[in-house]
Amino acid sequence: MKILSCRRQVIADHSSTNYLFYSPEPLSGKAQAVVSKLSSHVDVSDHTAEITYHGDWADLGEERRKKFLQHYDVEVRESYDWWDLSIMLETDKLPDLEAVKGHEEEEGEASLSFEKIGKRLRLRFEGCHLDYQACYEEFGEDLMEGLAELATDIREELYAGKVDALKVMATYCGNNKVPSSRGLSPAAKTLCGILEPI
């Protein structure tokens, strides 16, 4: 066999890492000004900060993520179809803090962990996959905003002493499966519907 010609080419990497930081309460103008200086890529509005980094060579970094979470209650992160969700919890609003932290699960591909940041507790649900058809049916076209609103629902359930959503997350992380949604709280049922085993 004889090579007749050779062409060099570059394959574009269309991957990206996307962030949505969300606060149910509107941020003040002063807070928005602070947030807008945390990244040259950020788009800030009353309730959200959105960032997209193109390519695997750029990302926000853990320390700057924490700085954003000083102003927001929820972080939704997507990279290469892997999804992370952070929910900031006021510890004095949790009826049983130890019951919440007792659902930690870090043995599987996905993980559920808790991290103290200042006076708040960060719930970190990381490395999950989503059923996009189910997400579209549940949230419509804005998946990240839908997940942010689900996160606030999970937080309100935790404040009411309902830990069903944590049980769903822990089962997903530890056993790589989605439990039956029968008898679960509304937010937990939604989680069951949108999570896809890895």
N, C-alpha and C. Protein backbone atom coordinates (compact mmCIF):
# COMPACT_ATOMS: atom_id res chain seq x y z
N MET A 1 0.85 -1.17 0.00
CA MET A 1 0.00 0.00 0.00
C MET A 1 0.89 1.24 0.00
N LYS A 2 0.51 2.24 -0.79
CA LYS A 2 1.29 3.46 -0.92
C LYS A 2 0.46 4.65 -0.45
N ILE A 3 1.04 5.51 0.41
CA ILE A 3 0.35 6.72 0.87
C ILE A 3 0.48 7.77 -0.21
N LEU A 4 -0.67 8.24 -0.72
CA LEU A 4 -0.66 9.22 -1.80
C LEU A 4 -0.60 10.65 -1.29
N SER A 5 -1.19 10.90 -0.13
CA SER A 5 -1.15 12.26 0.42
C SER A 5 -1.38 12.21 1.92
N CYS A 6 -1.04 13.30 2.57
CA CYS A 6 -1.20 13.41 4.03
C CYS A 6 -1.70 14.82 4.33
N ARG A 7 -2.72 14.93 5.17
CA ARG A 7 -3.25 16.25 5.53
C ARG A 7 -3.26 16.40 7.04
N ARG A 8 -2.70 17.49 7.53
CA ARG A 8 -2.75 17.78 8.96
C ARG A 8 -4.02 18.55 9.26
N GLN A 9 -4.65 18.21 10.38
CA GLN A 9 -5.84 18.95 10.77
C GLN A 9 -5.97 18.95 12.29
N VAL A 10 -6.73 19.89 12.79
CA VAL A 10 -6.99 20.01 14.21
C VAL A 10 -8.46 19.71 14.45
N ILE A 11 -8.74 18.82 15.37
CA ILE A 11 -10.11 18.53 15.75
C ILE A 11 -10.48 19.46 16.90
N ALA A 12 -11.53 20.24 16.70
CA ALA A 12 -11.93 21.19 17.73
C ALA A 12 -12.55 20.46 18.92
N ASP A 13 -12.20 20.94 20.12
CA ASP A 13 -12.78 20.41 21.34
C ASP A 13 -13.97 21.28 21.72
N HIS A 14 -15.19 20.73 21.56
CA HIS A 14 -16.39 21.52 21.82
C HIS A 14 -16.86 21.36 23.26
N SER A 15 -16.02 20.78 24.09
CA SER A 15 -16.40 20.60 25.48
C SER A 15 -16.37 21.94 26.20
N SER A 16 -17.10 22.00 27.29
CA SER A 16 -17.11 23.21 28.11
C SER A 16 -17.51 22.85 29.53
N THR A 17 -17.21 23.75 30.45
CA THR A 17 -17.65 23.63 31.82
C THR A 17 -18.57 24.81 32.11
N ASN A 18 -19.78 24.50 32.58
CA ASN A 18 -20.80 25.52 32.77
C ASN A 18 -21.19 25.62 34.24
N TYR A 19 -21.37 26.84 34.70
CA TYR A 19 -21.79 27.11 36.07
C TYR A 19 -23.03 27.99 36.10
N LEU A 20 -23.89 27.70 37.05
CA LEU A 20 -24.97 28.62 37.40
C LEU A 20 -24.99 28.74 38.92
N PHE A 21 -24.78 29.94 39.42
CA PHE A 21 -24.95 30.23 40.84
C PHE A 21 -26.28 30.94 40.99
N TYR A 22 -27.05 30.53 42.00
CA TYR A 22 -28.43 31.02 42.12
C TYR A 22 -28.76 31.41 43.56
N SER A 23 -29.47 32.51 43.70
CA SER A 23 -29.99 32.95 44.99
C SER A 23 -31.47 33.26 44.84
N PRO A 24 -32.35 32.65 45.67
CA PRO A 24 -33.78 32.98 45.60
C PRO A 24 -34.05 34.46 45.89
N GLU A 25 -33.21 35.04 46.76
CA GLU A 25 -33.35 36.47 47.08
C GLU A 25 -32.44 37.27 46.15
N PRO A 26 -32.90 38.42 45.64
CA PRO A 26 -32.06 39.21 44.73
C PRO A 26 -30.82 39.75 45.43
N LEU A 27 -29.71 39.76 44.73
CA LEU A 27 -28.48 40.32 45.27
C LEU A 27 -28.52 41.84 45.17
N SER A 28 -27.92 42.50 46.14
CA SER A 28 -27.81 43.96 46.10
C SER A 28 -26.85 44.36 44.97
N GLY A 29 -26.92 45.63 44.59
CA GLY A 29 -26.01 46.12 43.57
C GLY A 29 -24.56 45.98 43.99
N LYS A 30 -24.30 46.19 45.28
CA LYS A 30 -22.93 46.07 45.79
C LYS A 30 -22.43 44.63 45.66
N ALA A 31 -23.29 43.67 46.03
CA ALA A 31 -22.90 42.25 45.93
C ALA A 31 -22.68 41.85 44.48
N GLN A 32 -23.53 42.34 43.58
CA GLN A 32 -23.36 42.04 42.16
C GLN A 32 -22.04 42.59 41.63
N ALA A 33 -21.66 43.75 42.10
CA ALA A 33 -20.38 44.34 41.68
C ALA A 33 -19.21 43.48 42.14
N VAL A 34 -19.30 42.94 43.36
CA VAL A 34 -18.25 42.07 43.88
C VAL A 34 -18.17 40.80 43.05
N VAL A 35 -19.32 40.19 42.78
CA VAL A 35 -19.37 38.93 42.02
C VAL A 35 -18.82 39.13 40.61
N SER A 36 -19.14 40.25 40.00
CA SER A 36 -18.71 40.48 38.62
C SER A 36 -17.20 40.54 38.48
N LYS A 37 -16.50 40.77 39.60
CA LYS A 37 -15.03 40.84 39.57
C LYS A 37 -14.37 39.49 39.85
N LEU A 38 -15.17 38.46 40.16
CA LEU A 38 -14.60 37.16 40.49
C LEU A 38 -14.17 36.36 39.27
N SER A 39 -14.70 36.72 38.10
CA SER A 39 -14.30 36.05 36.86
C SER A 39 -14.57 36.98 35.68
N SER A 40 -13.68 36.97 34.71
CA SER A 40 -13.90 37.79 33.51
C SER A 40 -14.95 37.17 32.60
N HIS A 41 -15.37 35.94 32.91
CA HIS A 41 -16.35 35.23 32.08
C HIS A 41 -17.77 35.30 32.64
N VAL A 42 -17.97 35.94 33.79
CA VAL A 42 -19.24 35.83 34.49
C VAL A 42 -20.28 36.82 33.95
N ASP A 43 -21.52 36.34 33.88
CA ASP A 43 -22.67 37.16 33.52
C ASP A 43 -23.57 37.22 34.75
N VAL A 44 -23.69 38.40 35.36
CA VAL A 44 -24.37 38.55 36.64
C VAL A 44 -25.72 39.23 36.46
N SER A 45 -26.74 38.68 37.15
CA SER A 45 -28.05 39.33 37.19
C SER A 45 -28.52 39.37 38.65
N ASP A 46 -29.76 39.79 38.89
CA ASP A 46 -30.26 39.93 40.26
C ASP A 46 -30.16 38.64 41.07
N HIS A 47 -30.47 37.49 40.42
CA HIS A 47 -30.55 36.22 41.13
C HIS A 47 -29.46 35.22 40.74
N THR A 48 -28.75 35.46 39.65
CA THR A 48 -27.84 34.44 39.13
C THR A 48 -26.49 35.00 38.71
N ALA A 49 -25.53 34.10 38.65
CA ALA A 49 -24.24 34.35 38.00
C ALA A 49 -23.99 33.14 37.11
N GLU A 50 -23.75 33.37 35.83
CA GLU A 50 -23.54 32.28 34.86
C GLU A 50 -22.16 32.40 34.24
N ILE A 51 -21.51 31.24 34.12
CA ILE A 51 -20.15 31.21 33.58
C ILE A 51 -20.02 29.99 32.67
N THR A 52 -19.34 30.17 31.54
CA THR A 52 -18.96 29.06 30.68
C THR A 52 -17.48 29.17 30.36
N TYR A 53 -16.77 28.07 30.60
CA TYR A 53 -15.36 27.97 30.21
C TYR A 53 -15.27 26.94 29.09
N HIS A 54 -14.65 27.32 27.99
CA HIS A 54 -14.52 26.42 26.84
C HIS A 54 -13.20 25.68 26.90
N GLY A 55 -13.25 24.37 26.70
CA GLY A 55 -12.05 23.56 26.71
C GLY A 55 -11.69 23.08 28.10
N ASP A 56 -10.89 22.00 28.16
CA ASP A 56 -10.56 21.41 29.45
C ASP A 56 -9.38 22.12 30.14
N TRP A 57 -8.87 23.17 29.54
CA TRP A 57 -7.73 23.90 30.10
C TRP A 57 -8.16 25.06 30.99
N ALA A 58 -9.45 25.35 31.05
CA ALA A 58 -9.93 26.48 31.84
C ALA A 58 -11.06 26.03 32.76
N ASP A 59 -11.04 26.54 33.97
CA ASP A 59 -12.11 26.22 34.92
C ASP A 59 -12.11 27.29 36.02
N LEU A 60 -13.16 27.28 36.82
CA LEU A 60 -13.30 28.30 37.85
C LEU A 60 -12.38 28.06 39.04
N GLY A 61 -12.19 26.81 39.42
CA GLY A 61 -11.35 26.49 40.56
C GLY A 61 -12.12 26.50 41.86
N GLU A 62 -11.71 25.66 42.79
CA GLU A 62 -12.46 25.46 44.03
C GLU A 62 -12.52 26.70 44.90
N GLU A 63 -11.44 27.44 45.02
CA GLU A 63 -11.44 28.62 45.89
C GLU A 63 -12.38 29.70 45.39
N ARG A 64 -12.41 29.91 44.07
CA ARG A 64 -13.34 30.91 43.53
C ARG A 64 -14.78 30.42 43.60
N ARG A 65 -15.00 29.12 43.49
CA ARG A 65 -16.36 28.59 43.68
C ARG A 65 -16.87 28.95 45.07
N LYS A 66 -16.02 28.80 46.07
CA LYS A 66 -16.40 29.15 47.44
C LYS A 66 -16.70 30.64 47.58
N LYS A 67 -15.97 31.48 46.85
CA LYS A 67 -16.23 32.92 46.91
C LYS A 67 -17.59 33.25 46.32
N PHE A 68 -17.97 32.56 45.24
CA PHE A 68 -19.30 32.76 44.67
C PHE A 68 -20.37 32.32 45.67
N LEU A 69 -20.10 31.21 46.36
CA LEU A 69 -21.10 30.67 47.29
C LEU A 69 -21.23 31.51 48.57
N GLN A 70 -20.39 32.50 48.75
CA GLN A 70 -20.61 33.46 49.82
C GLN A 70 -21.81 34.36 49.51
N HIS A 71 -22.17 34.45 48.23
CA HIS A 71 -23.26 35.33 47.79
C HIS A 71 -24.49 34.56 47.30
N TYR A 72 -24.31 33.27 46.98
CA TYR A 72 -25.40 32.48 46.41
C TYR A 72 -25.69 31.26 47.28
N ASP A 73 -26.88 30.71 47.12
CA ASP A 73 -27.31 29.55 47.91
C ASP A 73 -27.13 28.23 47.16
N VAL A 74 -27.03 28.30 45.84
CA VAL A 74 -26.98 27.09 45.03
C VAL A 74 -25.94 27.25 43.93
N GLU A 75 -25.23 26.16 43.66
CA GLU A 75 -24.34 26.09 42.51
C GLU A 75 -24.71 24.85 41.69
N VAL A 76 -24.91 25.04 40.39
CA VAL A 76 -25.09 23.93 39.46
C VAL A 76 -23.89 23.96 38.51
N ARG A 77 -23.21 22.81 38.39
CA ARG A 77 -22.02 22.74 37.54
C ARG A 77 -22.14 21.54 36.61
N GLU A 78 -21.81 21.77 35.34
CA GLU A 78 -21.82 20.67 34.36
C GLU A 78 -20.51 20.69 33.59
N SER A 79 -19.89 19.53 33.46
CA SER A 79 -18.67 19.40 32.67
C SER A 79 -18.62 18.01 32.06
N TYR A 80 -18.56 17.93 30.73
CA TYR A 80 -18.51 16.65 30.01
C TYR A 80 -19.68 15.73 30.41
N ASP A 81 -20.86 16.30 30.62
CA ASP A 81 -22.07 15.55 31.00
C ASP A 81 -22.03 14.98 32.41
N TRP A 82 -21.08 15.43 33.23
CA TRP A 82 -21.07 15.11 34.65
C TRP A 82 -21.62 16.32 35.38
N TRP A 83 -22.53 16.09 36.31
CA TRP A 83 -23.23 17.19 36.98
C TRP A 83 -22.92 17.22 38.48
N ASP A 84 -22.73 18.44 38.98
CA ASP A 84 -22.53 18.68 40.41
C ASP A 84 -23.58 19.67 40.90
N LEU A 85 -23.99 19.48 42.13
CA LEU A 85 -24.96 20.37 42.76
C LEU A 85 -24.47 20.70 44.16
N SER A 86 -24.37 21.99 44.47
CA SER A 86 -24.02 22.43 45.82
C SER A 86 -25.19 23.23 46.38
N ILE A 87 -25.54 22.95 47.63
CA ILE A 87 -26.62 23.65 48.31
C ILE A 87 -26.08 24.16 49.64
N MET A 88 -26.17 25.46 49.85
CA MET A 88 -25.70 26.06 51.10
C MET A 88 -26.83 26.02 52.12
N LEU A 89 -26.53 25.44 53.29
CA LEU A 89 -27.54 25.23 54.33
C LEU A 89 -27.20 26.06 55.56
N GLU A 90 -28.23 26.70 56.12
CA GLU A 90 -28.08 27.39 57.41
C GLU A 90 -28.23 26.32 58.50
N THR A 91 -27.17 26.05 59.22
CA THR A 91 -27.18 24.93 60.16
C THR A 91 -28.22 25.10 61.26
N ASP A 92 -28.50 26.35 61.65
CA ASP A 92 -29.48 26.55 62.72
C ASP A 92 -30.92 26.33 62.27
N LYS A 93 -31.11 26.16 60.97
CA LYS A 93 -32.45 25.87 60.44
C LYS A 93 -32.68 24.37 60.24
N LEU A 94 -31.65 23.56 60.46
CA LEU A 94 -31.77 22.11 60.29
C LEU A 94 -32.21 21.49 61.62
N PRO A 95 -33.34 20.80 61.65
CA PRO A 95 -33.81 20.22 62.91
C PRO A 95 -32.85 19.21 63.52
N ASP A 96 -32.13 18.46 62.65
CA ASP A 96 -31.19 17.45 63.14
C ASP A 96 -29.97 17.43 62.23
N LEU A 97 -28.98 18.22 62.59
CA LEU A 97 -27.78 18.36 61.76
C LEU A 97 -27.07 17.03 61.55
N GLU A 98 -26.95 16.22 62.60
CA GLU A 98 -26.23 14.95 62.48
C GLU A 98 -26.97 13.97 61.58
N ALA A 99 -28.30 14.02 61.59
CA ALA A 99 -29.08 13.15 60.69
C ALA A 99 -28.82 13.51 59.23
N VAL A 100 -28.65 14.79 58.97
CA VAL A 100 -28.35 15.25 57.62
C VAL A 100 -26.95 14.77 57.21
N LYS A 101 -25.96 15.05 58.05
CA LYS A 101 -24.57 14.69 57.73
C LYS A 101 -24.36 13.17 57.70
N GLY A 102 -25.25 12.43 58.34
CA GLY A 102 -25.13 10.97 58.37
C GLY A 102 -25.39 10.30 57.04
N HIS A 103 -25.87 11.05 56.04
CA HIS A 103 -26.13 10.47 54.72
C HIS A 103 -24.93 10.57 53.79
N GLU A 104 -23.80 11.04 54.30
CA GLU A 104 -22.61 11.18 53.47
C GLU A 104 -22.25 9.85 52.81
N GLU A 105 -21.90 9.90 51.52
CA GLU A 105 -21.57 8.69 50.77
C GLU A 105 -20.53 9.04 49.70
N GLU A 106 -19.33 8.50 49.85
CA GLU A 106 -18.24 8.86 48.94
C GLU A 106 -17.55 7.65 48.32
N GLU A 107 -18.20 6.50 48.30
CA GLU A 107 -17.55 5.28 47.82
C GLU A 107 -17.77 5.01 46.33
N GLY A 108 -18.77 5.63 45.72
CA GLY A 108 -19.09 5.33 44.32
C GLY A 108 -18.50 6.33 43.35
N GLU A 109 -18.96 6.26 42.09
CA GLU A 109 -18.54 7.21 41.07
C GLU A 109 -19.03 8.61 41.43
N ALA A 110 -20.26 8.70 41.91
CA ALA A 110 -20.80 9.96 42.41
C ALA A 110 -20.60 10.03 43.92
N SER A 111 -20.70 11.23 44.47
CA SER A 111 -20.49 11.38 45.91
C SER A 111 -21.45 12.39 46.51
N LEU A 112 -21.75 12.18 47.78
CA LEU A 112 -22.54 13.11 48.58
C LEU A 112 -21.72 13.42 49.82
N SER A 113 -21.35 14.68 49.99
CA SER A 113 -20.53 15.06 51.14
C SER A 113 -20.99 16.42 51.68
N PHE A 114 -20.44 16.77 52.84
CA PHE A 114 -20.81 18.01 53.49
C PHE A 114 -19.54 18.74 53.92
N GLU A 115 -19.54 20.05 53.75
CA GLU A 115 -18.36 20.86 54.03
C GLU A 115 -18.78 22.13 54.75
N LYS A 116 -18.17 22.40 55.89
CA LYS A 116 -18.47 23.62 56.63
C LYS A 116 -17.77 24.80 55.97
N ILE A 117 -18.51 25.82 55.61
CA ILE A 117 -17.95 27.05 55.05
C ILE A 117 -18.52 28.21 55.86
N GLY A 118 -17.70 28.80 56.69
CA GLY A 118 -18.19 29.86 57.57
C GLY A 118 -19.24 29.32 58.51
N LYS A 119 -20.39 29.98 58.55
CA LYS A 119 -21.48 29.55 59.42
C LYS A 119 -22.46 28.63 58.70
N ARG A 120 -22.17 28.31 57.45
CA ARG A 120 -23.09 27.47 56.68
C ARG A 120 -22.46 26.13 56.34
N LEU A 121 -23.32 25.19 55.98
CA LEU A 121 -22.90 23.84 55.59
C LEU A 121 -23.17 23.67 54.10
N ARG A 122 -22.14 23.26 53.37
CA ARG A 122 -22.28 23.04 51.93
C ARG A 122 -22.58 21.58 51.66
N LEU A 123 -23.76 21.30 51.12
CA LEU A 123 -24.11 19.96 50.66
C LEU A 123 -23.55 19.83 49.25
N ARG A 124 -22.72 18.80 49.03
CA ARG A 124 -22.08 18.61 47.72
C ARG A 124 -22.51 17.26 47.14
N PHE A 125 -23.31 17.31 46.09
CA PHE A 125 -23.74 16.13 45.36
C PHE A 125 -23.04 16.20 44.01
N GLU A 126 -22.03 15.34 43.81
CA GLU A 126 -21.13 15.51 42.68
C GLU A 126 -20.95 14.23 41.87
N GLY A 127 -20.81 14.43 40.56
CA GLY A 127 -20.49 13.33 39.67
C GLY A 127 -21.68 12.51 39.20
N CYS A 128 -22.85 13.11 39.14
CA CYS A 128 -24.02 12.34 38.71
C CYS A 128 -24.27 12.52 37.21
N HIS A 129 -25.04 11.61 36.66
CA HIS A 129 -25.51 11.69 35.28
C HIS A 129 -27.02 11.91 35.31
N LEU A 130 -27.51 12.57 34.26
CA LEU A 130 -28.93 12.89 34.20
C LEU A 130 -29.59 12.27 32.99
N ASP A 131 -30.86 11.93 33.14
CA ASP A 131 -31.70 11.49 32.03
C ASP A 131 -32.24 12.76 31.37
N TYR A 132 -31.68 13.13 30.21
CA TYR A 132 -32.01 14.42 29.62
C TYR A 132 -33.46 14.50 29.14
N GLN A 133 -34.02 13.40 28.69
CA GLN A 133 -35.43 13.41 28.28
C GLN A 133 -36.32 13.70 29.49
N ALA A 134 -36.03 13.04 30.60
CA ALA A 134 -36.81 13.27 31.82
C ALA A 134 -36.62 14.70 32.32
N CYS A 135 -35.39 15.22 32.21
CA CYS A 135 -35.12 16.60 32.64
C CYS A 135 -35.90 17.59 31.79
N TYR A 136 -35.94 17.35 30.49
CA TYR A 136 -36.68 18.25 29.60
C TYR A 136 -38.17 18.25 29.95
N GLU A 137 -38.69 17.06 30.22
CA GLU A 137 -40.11 16.96 30.58
C GLU A 137 -40.39 17.64 31.93
N GLU A 138 -39.42 17.59 32.84
CA GLU A 138 -39.60 18.16 34.17
C GLU A 138 -39.36 19.67 34.21
N PHE A 139 -38.30 20.12 33.53
CA PHE A 139 -37.86 21.51 33.67
C PHE A 139 -38.05 22.36 32.42
N GLY A 140 -38.31 21.76 31.27
CA GLY A 140 -38.33 22.53 30.04
C GLY A 140 -36.91 22.70 29.51
N GLU A 141 -36.68 23.78 28.78
CA GLU A 141 -35.41 23.94 28.08
C GLU A 141 -34.27 24.44 28.95
N ASP A 142 -34.56 25.10 30.07
CA ASP A 142 -33.49 25.63 30.91
C ASP A 142 -33.18 24.66 32.04
N LEU A 143 -32.33 23.69 31.73
CA LEU A 143 -32.01 22.62 32.67
C LEU A 143 -31.31 23.15 33.92
N MET A 144 -30.35 24.02 33.75
CA MET A 144 -29.59 24.50 34.91
C MET A 144 -30.48 25.29 35.87
N GLU A 145 -31.36 26.12 35.34
CA GLU A 145 -32.27 26.86 36.21
C GLU A 145 -33.24 25.91 36.91
N GLY A 146 -33.71 24.90 36.19
CA GLY A 146 -34.59 23.91 36.80
C GLY A 146 -33.92 23.17 37.94
N LEU A 147 -32.65 22.81 37.76
CA LEU A 147 -31.90 22.14 38.83
C LEU A 147 -31.68 23.06 40.02
N ALA A 148 -31.44 24.35 39.74
CA ALA A 148 -31.25 25.30 40.83
C ALA A 148 -32.53 25.43 41.66
N GLU A 149 -33.67 25.46 41.01
CA GLU A 149 -34.94 25.55 41.73
C GLU A 149 -35.21 24.26 42.50
N LEU A 150 -34.85 23.11 41.92
CA LEU A 150 -34.98 21.84 42.64
C LEU A 150 -34.11 21.87 43.89
N ALA A 151 -32.91 22.42 43.78
CA ALA A 151 -32.01 22.50 44.93
C ALA A 151 -32.63 23.33 46.06
N THR A 152 -33.30 24.41 45.73
CA THR A 152 -33.95 25.21 46.77
C THR A 152 -35.11 24.45 47.40
N ASP A 153 -35.80 23.62 46.58
CA ASP A 153 -36.86 22.77 47.14
C ASP A 153 -36.28 21.74 48.11
N ILE A 154 -35.14 21.15 47.74
CA ILE A 154 -34.47 20.18 48.62
C ILE A 154 -34.09 20.86 49.94
N ARG A 155 -33.57 22.07 49.85
CA ARG A 155 -33.18 22.80 51.05
C ARG A 155 -34.39 23.05 51.96
N GLU A 156 -35.51 23.46 51.39
CA GLU A 156 -36.70 23.72 52.20
C GLU A 156 -37.20 22.44 52.86
N GLU A 157 -37.11 21.31 52.15
CA GLU A 157 -37.50 20.03 52.75
C GLU A 157 -36.58 19.68 53.92
N LEU A 158 -35.28 19.93 53.75
CA LEU A 158 -34.35 19.64 54.84
C LEU A 158 -34.64 20.52 56.06
N TYR A 159 -34.98 21.76 55.82
CA TYR A 159 -35.34 22.65 56.92
C TYR A 159 -36.62 22.17 57.62
N ALA A 160 -37.48 21.47 56.87
CA ALA A 160 -38.71 20.93 57.46
C ALA A 160 -38.50 19.55 58.07
N GLY A 161 -37.24 19.07 58.08
CA GLY A 161 -36.94 17.78 58.69
C GLY A 161 -37.13 16.58 57.78
N LYS A 162 -37.33 16.82 56.48
CA LYS A 162 -37.52 15.73 55.52
C LYS A 162 -36.21 15.44 54.80
N VAL A 163 -35.71 14.21 54.93
CA VAL A 163 -34.40 13.86 54.37
C VAL A 163 -34.51 12.87 53.20
N ASP A 164 -35.69 12.74 52.61
CA ASP A 164 -35.88 11.79 51.51
C ASP A 164 -34.92 12.04 50.36
N ALA A 165 -34.70 13.32 50.00
CA ALA A 165 -33.80 13.64 48.88
C ALA A 165 -32.38 13.16 49.18
N LEU A 166 -31.95 13.28 50.44
CA LEU A 166 -30.62 12.79 50.82
C LEU A 166 -30.53 11.28 50.68
N LYS A 167 -31.60 10.59 51.04
CA LYS A 167 -31.62 9.13 50.90
C LYS A 167 -31.49 8.73 49.43
N VAL A 168 -32.16 9.47 48.55
CA VAL A 168 -32.05 9.20 47.11
C VAL A 168 -30.61 9.41 46.65
N MET A 169 -30.01 10.54 47.04
CA MET A 169 -28.63 10.83 46.65
C MET A 169 -27.66 9.77 47.17
N ALA A 170 -27.82 9.39 48.43
CA ALA A 170 -26.91 8.42 49.04
C ALA A 170 -27.03 7.05 48.35
N THR A 171 -28.26 6.65 48.02
CA THR A 171 -28.46 5.38 47.31
C THR A 171 -27.84 5.43 45.93
N TYR A 172 -28.01 6.55 45.25
CA TYR A 172 -27.44 6.73 43.92
C TYR A 172 -25.90 6.66 43.99
N CYS A 173 -25.32 7.34 44.98
CA CYS A 173 -23.86 7.37 45.10
C CYS A 173 -23.28 6.03 45.55
N GLY A 174 -23.92 5.40 46.53
CA GLY A 174 -23.36 4.19 47.11
C GLY A 174 -23.65 2.92 46.33
N ASN A 175 -24.82 2.88 45.68
CA ASN A 175 -25.24 1.65 44.99
C ASN A 175 -25.40 1.80 43.49
N ASN A 176 -25.15 3.02 42.98
CA ASN A 176 -25.31 3.31 41.55
C ASN A 176 -26.68 2.89 41.05
N LYS A 177 -27.71 3.24 41.80
CA LYS A 177 -29.07 2.97 41.36
C LYS A 177 -29.99 4.03 41.92
N VAL A 178 -31.16 4.13 41.30
CA VAL A 178 -32.17 5.09 41.74
C VAL A 178 -33.25 4.30 42.47
N PRO A 179 -33.55 4.67 43.72
CA PRO A 179 -34.57 3.91 44.46
C PRO A 179 -35.97 4.18 43.94
N SER A 180 -36.92 3.42 44.40
CA SER A 180 -38.32 3.66 44.07
C SER A 180 -38.75 5.00 44.66
N SER A 181 -39.54 5.74 43.91
CA SER A 181 -39.99 7.06 44.37
C SER A 181 -41.27 6.98 45.19
N ARG A 182 -41.78 5.78 45.36
CA ARG A 182 -43.06 5.62 46.06
C ARG A 182 -42.97 6.12 47.50
N GLY A 183 -43.88 7.00 47.86
CA GLY A 183 -43.96 7.51 49.22
C GLY A 183 -42.94 8.57 49.58
N LEU A 184 -42.12 9.00 48.62
CA LEU A 184 -41.09 10.00 48.91
C LEU A 184 -41.64 11.42 48.80
N SER A 185 -40.87 12.36 49.30
CA SER A 185 -41.24 13.78 49.23
C SER A 185 -41.19 14.25 47.76
N PRO A 186 -41.83 15.39 47.44
CA PRO A 186 -41.84 15.88 46.05
C PRO A 186 -40.45 16.08 45.45
N ALA A 187 -39.54 16.70 46.18
CA ALA A 187 -38.20 16.92 45.64
C ALA A 187 -37.47 15.60 45.41
N ALA A 188 -37.63 14.66 46.33
CA ALA A 188 -37.00 13.34 46.19
C ALA A 188 -37.57 12.60 44.97
N LYS A 189 -38.86 12.71 44.75
CA LYS A 189 -39.48 12.08 43.57
C LYS A 189 -38.91 12.67 42.29
N THR A 190 -38.72 13.98 42.27
CA THR A 190 -38.14 14.62 41.09
C THR A 190 -36.73 14.10 40.86
N LEU A 191 -35.94 13.99 41.91
CA LEU A 191 -34.58 13.43 41.79
C LEU A 191 -34.62 12.03 41.19
N CYS A 192 -35.51 11.20 41.71
CA CYS A 192 -35.63 9.83 41.19
C CYS A 192 -35.93 9.83 39.70
N GLY A 193 -36.71 10.80 39.25
CA GLY A 193 -37.10 10.84 37.85
C GLY A 193 -36.02 11.30 36.91
N ILE A 194 -35.06 12.11 37.40
CA ILE A 194 -34.09 12.69 36.49
C ILE A 194 -32.70 12.07 36.57
N LEU A 195 -32.39 11.34 37.65
CA LEU A 195 -31.07 10.74 37.78
C LEU A 195 -30.93 9.50 36.91
N GLU A 196 -29.76 9.33 36.32
CA GLU A 196 -29.47 8.17 35.48
C GLU A 196 -28.26 7.45 36.05
N PRO A 197 -28.38 6.16 36.37
CA PRO A 197 -27.22 5.42 36.89
C PRO A 197 -26.03 5.53 35.96
N ILE A 198 -24.84 5.57 36.54
CA ILE A 198 -23.61 5.76 35.76
C ILE A 198 -23.20 4.45 35.10
